[in-house]
């Protein structure tokens, strides 16, 4: 992969939503539309895309799971190469490199692919990873009892 992401001073943003293993084809579509509209209304030229680095329901989960596991094994700093999902995500995102802010949002194993893609596209650049897990249906209120983590590299 020869492209690396270079931020541009313009108000241009690239949003990529990465689905996990055996995900319904439109699972994150509402989320993608919401954030795309949000940034557009706030003056950003927006490109938002939903990616399936492991495949969707059309590809059997038994083929997807080993690929997600391969990405998980490569999460340490010592691992140089991305796994299959991370590499596929980076290939899909690379054409957008060179002009704007880049935000990768991954659900479940899509988060693994997002981290791996970020390592390939912007090696050595600080990355931020946020994880949140709430009870289903509960409104989000940050408190000491809300399970969450934020990691910065």
N, C-alpha and C. Protein backbone atom coordinates (compact mmCIF):
# COMPACT_ATOMS: atom_id res chain seq x y z
N UNK A 1 0.85 -1.16 0.00
CA UNK A 1 0.00 0.00 0.00
C UNK A 1 0.90 1.23 0.00
N UNK A 2 0.74 2.09 -0.98
CA UNK A 2 1.64 3.21 -1.11
C UNK A 2 1.07 4.52 -0.58
N UNK A 3 -0.23 4.64 -0.40
CA UNK A 3 -0.82 5.88 0.07
C UNK A 3 -0.81 5.98 1.58
N UNK A 4 -0.52 7.17 2.07
CA UNK A 4 -0.71 7.46 3.48
C UNK A 4 -1.63 8.65 3.56
N UNK A 5 -2.37 8.75 4.63
CA UNK A 5 -3.36 9.81 4.76
C UNK A 5 -2.68 11.12 5.14
N UNK A 6 -2.97 12.19 4.40
CA UNK A 6 -2.42 13.51 4.67
C UNK A 6 -3.57 14.48 4.91
N UNK A 7 -3.71 14.99 6.13
CA UNK A 7 -4.80 15.94 6.38
C UNK A 7 -4.64 17.20 5.54
N UNK A 8 -5.75 17.76 5.10
CA UNK A 8 -5.75 19.01 4.35
C UNK A 8 -6.43 20.08 5.19
N UNK A 9 -6.11 21.35 4.96
CA UNK A 9 -6.68 22.41 5.77
C UNK A 9 -8.16 22.66 5.50
N UNK A 10 -8.69 22.15 4.39
CA UNK A 10 -10.08 22.40 4.03
C UNK A 10 -11.04 21.70 4.99
N UNK A 11 -12.29 22.14 4.97
CA UNK A 11 -13.33 21.51 5.78
C UNK A 11 -13.89 20.30 5.05
N UNK A 12 -13.06 19.32 4.86
CA UNK A 12 -13.47 18.09 4.19
C UNK A 12 -13.25 16.94 5.16
N UNK A 13 -14.24 16.06 5.25
CA UNK A 13 -14.14 14.95 6.19
C UNK A 13 -14.55 13.66 5.50
N UNK A 14 -13.80 12.62 5.79
CA UNK A 14 -14.07 11.29 5.27
C UNK A 14 -14.46 10.41 6.45
N UNK A 15 -15.67 9.90 6.42
CA UNK A 15 -16.18 9.04 7.48
C UNK A 15 -16.33 7.63 6.92
N UNK A 16 -15.70 6.67 7.59
CA UNK A 16 -15.83 5.28 7.18
C UNK A 16 -16.36 4.49 8.37
N UNK A 17 -17.44 3.78 8.13
CA UNK A 17 -18.09 2.97 9.15
C UNK A 17 -17.82 1.51 8.80
N UNK A 18 -17.12 0.81 9.68
CA UNK A 18 -16.68 -0.56 9.40
C UNK A 18 -17.49 -1.55 10.23
N UNK A 19 -18.18 -2.42 9.55
CA UNK A 19 -19.03 -3.43 10.20
C UNK A 19 -18.19 -4.61 10.65
N UNK A 20 -18.71 -5.34 11.60
CA UNK A 20 -18.02 -6.52 12.13
C UNK A 20 -18.36 -7.78 11.36
N UNK A 21 -18.19 -8.91 12.02
CA UNK A 21 -18.42 -10.23 11.42
C UNK A 21 -19.91 -10.50 11.31
N UNK A 22 -20.32 -11.07 10.18
CA UNK A 22 -21.70 -11.50 9.93
C UNK A 22 -22.72 -10.42 10.25
N UNK A 23 -22.47 -9.23 9.75
CA UNK A 23 -23.31 -8.07 10.02
C UNK A 23 -24.38 -7.92 8.94
N UNK A 24 -25.57 -7.51 9.35
CA UNK A 24 -26.65 -7.25 8.40
C UNK A 24 -26.22 -6.14 7.44
N UNK A 25 -26.59 -6.25 6.17
CA UNK A 25 -26.12 -5.29 5.17
C UNK A 25 -26.39 -3.82 5.50
N UNK A 26 -27.47 -3.49 6.17
CA UNK A 26 -27.78 -2.09 6.47
C UNK A 26 -27.68 -1.74 7.95
N UNK A 27 -26.97 -2.57 8.70
CA UNK A 27 -26.89 -2.40 10.15
C UNK A 27 -26.46 -1.00 10.58
N UNK A 28 -25.45 -0.42 9.95
CA UNK A 28 -24.92 0.87 10.36
C UNK A 28 -25.36 2.01 9.43
N UNK A 29 -26.27 1.75 8.53
CA UNK A 29 -26.67 2.75 7.55
C UNK A 29 -27.30 4.00 8.18
N UNK A 30 -28.16 3.81 9.14
CA UNK A 30 -28.77 4.96 9.82
C UNK A 30 -27.73 5.79 10.55
N UNK A 31 -26.80 5.15 11.17
CA UNK A 31 -25.70 5.82 11.87
C UNK A 31 -24.84 6.62 10.88
N UNK A 32 -24.55 6.01 9.74
CA UNK A 32 -23.77 6.68 8.69
C UNK A 32 -24.50 7.92 8.19
N UNK A 33 -25.80 7.78 7.90
CA UNK A 33 -26.58 8.92 7.41
C UNK A 33 -26.64 10.04 8.45
N UNK A 34 -26.82 9.68 9.72
CA UNK A 34 -26.90 10.68 10.78
C UNK A 34 -25.62 11.52 10.84
N UNK A 35 -24.46 10.86 10.90
CA UNK A 35 -23.20 11.60 11.04
C UNK A 35 -22.83 12.34 9.77
N UNK A 36 -23.18 11.80 8.64
CA UNK A 36 -22.94 12.50 7.38
C UNK A 36 -23.73 13.81 7.37
N UNK A 37 -24.99 13.73 7.71
CA UNK A 37 -25.86 14.92 7.77
C UNK A 37 -25.35 15.91 8.82
N UNK A 38 -24.94 15.40 9.97
CA UNK A 38 -24.43 16.26 11.04
C UNK A 38 -23.26 17.11 10.56
N UNK A 39 -22.28 16.47 9.94
CA UNK A 39 -21.11 17.21 9.49
C UNK A 39 -21.45 18.15 8.33
N UNK A 40 -22.33 17.75 7.43
CA UNK A 40 -22.74 18.62 6.34
C UNK A 40 -23.43 19.87 6.87
N UNK A 41 -24.30 19.71 7.85
CA UNK A 41 -24.99 20.86 8.44
C UNK A 41 -24.05 21.79 9.19
N UNK A 42 -22.89 21.29 9.55
CA UNK A 42 -21.91 22.11 10.26
C UNK A 42 -20.79 22.59 9.34
N UNK A 43 -21.06 22.61 8.04
CA UNK A 43 -20.15 23.22 7.09
C UNK A 43 -19.05 22.34 6.53
N UNK A 44 -19.12 21.04 6.74
CA UNK A 44 -18.09 20.14 6.23
C UNK A 44 -18.53 19.54 4.91
N UNK A 45 -17.60 19.47 3.97
CA UNK A 45 -17.82 18.67 2.77
C UNK A 45 -17.59 17.23 3.22
N UNK A 46 -18.59 16.38 3.06
CA UNK A 46 -18.57 15.06 3.70
C UNK A 46 -18.64 13.92 2.69
N UNK A 47 -17.78 12.93 2.94
CA UNK A 47 -17.87 11.65 2.24
C UNK A 47 -18.04 10.60 3.32
N UNK A 48 -19.13 9.85 3.29
CA UNK A 48 -19.39 8.82 4.30
C UNK A 48 -19.68 7.51 3.60
N UNK A 49 -19.03 6.46 4.07
CA UNK A 49 -19.15 5.17 3.41
C UNK A 49 -19.20 4.05 4.45
N UNK A 50 -20.02 3.05 4.16
CA UNK A 50 -20.14 1.87 5.00
C UNK A 50 -19.30 0.75 4.37
N UNK A 51 -18.39 0.18 5.16
CA UNK A 51 -17.52 -0.88 4.66
C UNK A 51 -17.77 -2.18 5.42
N UNK A 52 -17.58 -3.27 4.74
CA UNK A 52 -17.70 -4.61 5.32
C UNK A 52 -16.37 -5.34 5.11
N UNK A 53 -15.36 -5.08 5.93
CA UNK A 53 -14.05 -5.66 5.70
C UNK A 53 -14.01 -7.19 5.77
N UNK A 54 -14.99 -7.79 6.42
CA UNK A 54 -15.04 -9.25 6.51
C UNK A 54 -16.17 -9.83 5.66
N UNK A 55 -17.02 -8.98 5.15
CA UNK A 55 -18.18 -9.41 4.39
C UNK A 55 -19.45 -9.19 5.20
N UNK A 56 -20.60 -9.30 4.56
CA UNK A 56 -21.86 -9.17 5.28
C UNK A 56 -22.53 -10.54 5.36
N UNK A 57 -23.83 -10.56 5.52
CA UNK A 57 -24.54 -11.83 5.65
C UNK A 57 -24.38 -12.72 4.42
N UNK A 58 -24.04 -12.14 3.29
CA UNK A 58 -23.88 -12.92 2.07
C UNK A 58 -22.65 -13.82 2.08
N UNK A 59 -21.77 -13.62 3.04
CA UNK A 59 -20.57 -14.45 3.18
C UNK A 59 -20.67 -15.16 4.52
N UNK A 60 -20.54 -16.46 4.52
CA UNK A 60 -20.75 -17.23 5.75
C UNK A 60 -19.81 -16.80 6.87
N UNK A 61 -20.35 -16.75 8.09
CA UNK A 61 -19.57 -16.29 9.25
C UNK A 61 -18.36 -17.16 9.51
N UNK A 62 -18.41 -18.45 9.14
CA UNK A 62 -17.28 -19.33 9.40
C UNK A 62 -16.05 -18.95 8.56
N UNK A 63 -16.25 -18.20 7.49
CA UNK A 63 -15.13 -17.69 6.69
C UNK A 63 -14.63 -16.35 7.26
N UNK A 64 -15.55 -15.58 7.87
CA UNK A 64 -15.22 -14.26 8.38
C UNK A 64 -14.48 -14.31 9.72
N UNK A 65 -14.90 -15.20 10.59
CA UNK A 65 -14.35 -15.26 11.95
C UNK A 65 -12.84 -15.47 11.99
N UNK A 66 -12.26 -16.38 11.21
CA UNK A 66 -10.80 -16.53 11.24
C UNK A 66 -10.07 -15.26 10.78
N UNK A 67 -10.68 -14.50 9.88
CA UNK A 67 -10.05 -13.25 9.44
C UNK A 67 -10.06 -12.21 10.56
N UNK A 68 -11.16 -12.13 11.29
CA UNK A 68 -11.23 -11.21 12.43
C UNK A 68 -10.21 -11.63 13.49
N UNK A 69 -10.08 -12.93 13.69
CA UNK A 69 -9.09 -13.43 14.66
C UNK A 69 -7.67 -13.07 14.22
N UNK A 70 -7.41 -13.13 12.92
CA UNK A 70 -6.09 -12.75 12.40
C UNK A 70 -5.82 -11.27 12.68
N UNK A 71 -6.84 -10.42 12.54
CA UNK A 71 -6.67 -9.00 12.87
C UNK A 71 -6.42 -8.83 14.37
N UNK A 72 -7.13 -9.59 15.18
CA UNK A 72 -6.96 -9.51 16.64
C UNK A 72 -5.55 -9.90 17.05
N UNK A 73 -4.99 -10.92 16.44
CA UNK A 73 -3.62 -11.36 16.77
C UNK A 73 -2.60 -10.29 16.41
N UNK A 74 -2.92 -9.40 15.48
CA UNK A 74 -1.98 -8.38 15.03
C UNK A 74 -2.19 -7.04 15.73
N UNK A 75 -2.87 -7.02 16.84
CA UNK A 75 -3.17 -5.75 17.51
C UNK A 75 -1.97 -5.17 18.26
N UNK A 76 -0.96 -5.97 18.53
CA UNK A 76 0.18 -5.46 19.32
C UNK A 76 1.10 -4.61 18.46
N UNK A 77 1.88 -3.79 19.11
CA UNK A 77 2.82 -2.90 18.41
C UNK A 77 3.87 -3.71 17.66
N UNK A 78 4.16 -4.92 18.13
CA UNK A 78 5.19 -5.74 17.49
C UNK A 78 4.73 -6.27 16.14
N UNK A 79 3.43 -6.39 15.94
CA UNK A 79 2.91 -6.91 14.68
C UNK A 79 2.97 -5.82 13.61
N UNK A 80 3.67 -6.07 12.54
CA UNK A 80 3.85 -5.07 11.49
C UNK A 80 2.73 -5.10 10.46
N UNK A 81 2.32 -6.27 10.07
CA UNK A 81 1.33 -6.38 8.99
C UNK A 81 -0.09 -6.38 9.55
N UNK A 82 -1.00 -5.84 8.79
CA UNK A 82 -2.41 -5.89 9.18
C UNK A 82 -2.98 -7.24 8.78
N UNK A 83 -4.06 -7.60 9.43
CA UNK A 83 -4.77 -8.82 9.06
C UNK A 83 -5.63 -8.56 7.83
N UNK A 84 -6.36 -9.57 7.39
CA UNK A 84 -7.14 -9.46 6.16
C UNK A 84 -8.19 -8.35 6.20
N UNK A 85 -8.91 -8.19 7.30
CA UNK A 85 -9.93 -7.15 7.39
C UNK A 85 -9.32 -5.76 7.39
N UNK A 86 -8.23 -5.59 8.11
CA UNK A 86 -7.55 -4.30 8.15
C UNK A 86 -6.99 -3.92 6.80
N UNK A 87 -6.43 -4.90 6.10
CA UNK A 87 -5.87 -4.63 4.78
C UNK A 87 -6.96 -4.26 3.79
N UNK A 88 -8.09 -5.01 3.81
CA UNK A 88 -9.21 -4.69 2.91
C UNK A 88 -9.75 -3.29 3.18
N UNK A 89 -9.88 -2.95 4.46
CA UNK A 89 -10.38 -1.61 4.82
C UNK A 89 -9.43 -0.53 4.32
N UNK A 90 -8.12 -0.73 4.53
CA UNK A 90 -7.13 0.26 4.08
C UNK A 90 -7.18 0.42 2.56
N UNK A 91 -7.35 -0.68 1.84
CA UNK A 91 -7.44 -0.59 0.38
C UNK A 91 -8.65 0.22 -0.06
N UNK A 92 -9.77 0.06 0.64
CA UNK A 92 -10.99 0.80 0.29
C UNK A 92 -10.87 2.28 0.64
N UNK A 93 -10.14 2.59 1.70
CA UNK A 93 -10.02 3.96 2.19
C UNK A 93 -8.91 4.72 1.48
N UNK A 94 -7.88 4.04 1.03
CA UNK A 94 -6.69 4.68 0.44
C UNK A 94 -6.99 5.71 -0.66
N UNK A 95 -7.97 5.49 -1.56
CA UNK A 95 -8.22 6.50 -2.59
C UNK A 95 -8.61 7.88 -2.03
N UNK A 96 -9.13 7.91 -0.80
CA UNK A 96 -9.52 9.19 -0.19
C UNK A 96 -8.33 9.89 0.46
N UNK A 97 -7.20 9.22 0.56
CA UNK A 97 -6.05 9.79 1.24
C UNK A 97 -5.55 11.03 0.52
N UNK A 98 -5.19 12.00 1.33
CA UNK A 98 -4.58 13.20 0.78
C UNK A 98 -5.46 14.42 0.79
N UNK A 99 -6.60 14.38 1.42
CA UNK A 99 -7.41 15.60 1.41
C UNK A 99 -8.52 15.68 2.42
N UNK A 100 -8.23 15.89 3.66
CA UNK A 100 -9.26 16.11 4.66
C UNK A 100 -9.02 15.33 5.93
N UNK A 101 -10.00 15.41 6.81
CA UNK A 101 -9.96 14.68 8.07
C UNK A 101 -10.49 13.27 7.82
N UNK A 102 -9.92 12.31 8.50
CA UNK A 102 -10.33 10.91 8.34
C UNK A 102 -10.81 10.39 9.68
N UNK A 103 -12.02 9.85 9.70
CA UNK A 103 -12.58 9.24 10.91
C UNK A 103 -13.02 7.83 10.56
N UNK A 104 -12.52 6.86 11.31
CA UNK A 104 -12.89 5.46 11.13
C UNK A 104 -13.70 5.04 12.35
N UNK A 105 -14.88 4.50 12.12
CA UNK A 105 -15.75 4.05 13.21
C UNK A 105 -16.05 2.58 12.96
N UNK A 106 -15.66 1.73 13.88
CA UNK A 106 -15.86 0.31 13.70
C UNK A 106 -16.76 -0.28 14.75
N UNK A 107 -17.62 -1.19 14.33
CA UNK A 107 -18.47 -1.93 15.26
C UNK A 107 -17.92 -3.34 15.41
N UNK A 108 -17.68 -3.75 16.64
CA UNK A 108 -17.21 -5.10 16.93
C UNK A 108 -15.90 -5.36 16.18
N UNK A 109 -15.82 -6.41 15.40
CA UNK A 109 -14.58 -6.71 14.69
C UNK A 109 -14.23 -5.62 13.67
N UNK A 110 -15.20 -4.82 13.27
CA UNK A 110 -14.93 -3.68 12.40
C UNK A 110 -14.01 -2.68 13.09
N UNK A 111 -14.04 -2.64 14.42
CA UNK A 111 -13.11 -1.79 15.17
C UNK A 111 -11.69 -2.29 15.03
N UNK A 112 -11.51 -3.61 15.02
CA UNK A 112 -10.18 -4.19 14.79
C UNK A 112 -9.67 -3.80 13.41
N UNK A 113 -10.54 -3.93 12.42
CA UNK A 113 -10.15 -3.58 11.05
C UNK A 113 -9.81 -2.09 10.95
N UNK A 114 -10.55 -1.25 11.66
CA UNK A 114 -10.30 0.19 11.64
C UNK A 114 -8.92 0.52 12.21
N UNK A 115 -8.57 -0.11 13.32
CA UNK A 115 -7.26 0.12 13.93
C UNK A 115 -6.15 -0.33 12.99
N UNK A 116 -6.31 -1.51 12.38
CA UNK A 116 -5.30 -2.01 11.46
C UNK A 116 -5.18 -1.11 10.22
N UNK A 117 -6.31 -0.65 9.70
CA UNK A 117 -6.29 0.24 8.54
C UNK A 117 -5.59 1.55 8.88
N UNK A 118 -5.85 2.08 10.07
CA UNK A 118 -5.21 3.32 10.49
C UNK A 118 -3.70 3.15 10.58
N UNK A 119 -3.25 2.00 11.05
CA UNK A 119 -1.80 1.73 11.12
C UNK A 119 -1.17 1.72 9.73
N UNK A 120 -1.90 1.18 8.75
CA UNK A 120 -1.38 1.13 7.39
C UNK A 120 -1.41 2.49 6.70
N UNK A 121 -2.49 3.24 6.91
CA UNK A 121 -2.67 4.50 6.21
C UNK A 121 -1.88 5.66 6.81
N UNK A 122 -1.67 5.63 8.10
CA UNK A 122 -0.97 6.73 8.77
C UNK A 122 -0.02 6.19 9.82
N UNK A 123 1.03 5.48 9.39
CA UNK A 123 1.95 4.89 10.36
C UNK A 123 2.63 5.96 11.21
N UNK A 124 2.68 5.71 12.50
CA UNK A 124 3.33 6.63 13.42
C UNK A 124 2.48 7.82 13.83
N UNK A 125 1.28 7.95 13.28
CA UNK A 125 0.40 9.05 13.64
C UNK A 125 -0.38 8.67 14.89
N UNK A 126 -0.53 9.60 15.84
CA UNK A 126 -1.32 9.28 17.03
C UNK A 126 -2.74 8.89 16.66
N UNK A 127 -3.23 7.86 17.29
CA UNK A 127 -4.58 7.39 17.03
C UNK A 127 -5.35 7.36 18.34
N UNK A 128 -6.64 7.53 18.25
CA UNK A 128 -7.49 7.48 19.43
C UNK A 128 -8.50 6.36 19.23
N UNK A 129 -8.68 5.56 20.24
CA UNK A 129 -9.64 4.46 20.19
C UNK A 129 -10.58 4.62 21.37
N UNK A 130 -11.87 4.67 21.10
CA UNK A 130 -12.86 4.77 22.17
C UNK A 130 -13.78 3.56 22.09
N UNK A 131 -14.06 2.97 23.23
CA UNK A 131 -14.95 1.81 23.30
C UNK A 131 -16.06 2.15 24.29
N UNK A 132 -17.27 1.77 23.97
CA UNK A 132 -18.36 2.02 24.90
C UNK A 132 -19.33 0.85 24.85
N UNK A 133 -19.77 0.43 26.00
CA UNK A 133 -20.73 -0.65 26.07
C UNK A 133 -21.79 -0.28 27.09
N UNK A 134 -23.01 -0.11 26.62
CA UNK A 134 -24.12 0.25 27.50
C UNK A 134 -25.15 -0.86 27.51
N UNK A 135 -26.02 -0.78 28.48
CA UNK A 135 -27.16 -1.68 28.47
C UNK A 135 -28.03 -1.31 27.28
N UNK A 136 -28.58 -2.29 26.63
CA UNK A 136 -29.42 -2.05 25.47
C UNK A 136 -30.60 -1.16 25.84
N UNK A 137 -30.79 -0.09 25.08
CA UNK A 137 -31.93 0.79 25.30
C UNK A 137 -31.71 1.86 26.35
N UNK A 138 -30.61 1.79 27.07
CA UNK A 138 -30.36 2.79 28.11
C UNK A 138 -29.77 4.04 27.48
N UNK A 139 -30.27 5.23 27.84
CA UNK A 139 -29.68 6.46 27.30
C UNK A 139 -28.25 6.62 27.80
N UNK A 140 -27.39 7.18 26.96
CA UNK A 140 -25.99 7.34 27.33
C UNK A 140 -25.82 8.54 28.25
N UNK A 141 -25.33 8.30 29.43
CA UNK A 141 -24.95 9.35 30.37
C UNK A 141 -23.62 8.93 30.95
N UNK A 142 -22.59 9.74 30.69
CA UNK A 142 -21.27 9.39 31.20
C UNK A 142 -21.28 9.51 32.73
N UNK A 143 -20.90 8.43 33.37
CA UNK A 143 -20.79 8.42 34.82
C UNK A 143 -19.74 7.39 35.20
N UNK A 144 -19.43 7.32 36.45
CA UNK A 144 -18.42 6.35 36.90
C UNK A 144 -18.91 4.92 36.70
N UNK A 145 -20.21 4.73 36.53
CA UNK A 145 -20.74 3.38 36.35
C UNK A 145 -20.91 3.00 34.88
N UNK A 146 -20.66 3.93 33.96
CA UNK A 146 -20.78 3.63 32.53
C UNK A 146 -19.52 2.93 32.06
N UNK A 147 -19.63 1.68 31.59
CA UNK A 147 -18.42 1.00 31.12
C UNK A 147 -17.90 1.65 29.84
N UNK A 148 -16.70 2.18 29.88
CA UNK A 148 -16.12 2.78 28.69
C UNK A 148 -14.61 2.84 28.86
N UNK A 149 -13.92 3.01 27.77
CA UNK A 149 -12.49 3.18 27.85
C UNK A 149 -12.05 4.10 26.71
N UNK A 150 -11.01 4.83 26.93
CA UNK A 150 -10.43 5.64 25.88
C UNK A 150 -8.93 5.37 25.91
N UNK A 151 -8.39 5.05 24.77
CA UNK A 151 -6.97 4.74 24.66
C UNK A 151 -6.37 5.65 23.62
N UNK A 152 -5.22 6.18 23.88
CA UNK A 152 -4.52 7.02 22.92
C UNK A 152 -3.14 6.45 22.72
N UNK A 153 -2.73 6.36 21.47
CA UNK A 153 -1.40 5.84 21.17
C UNK A 153 -0.55 7.01 20.75
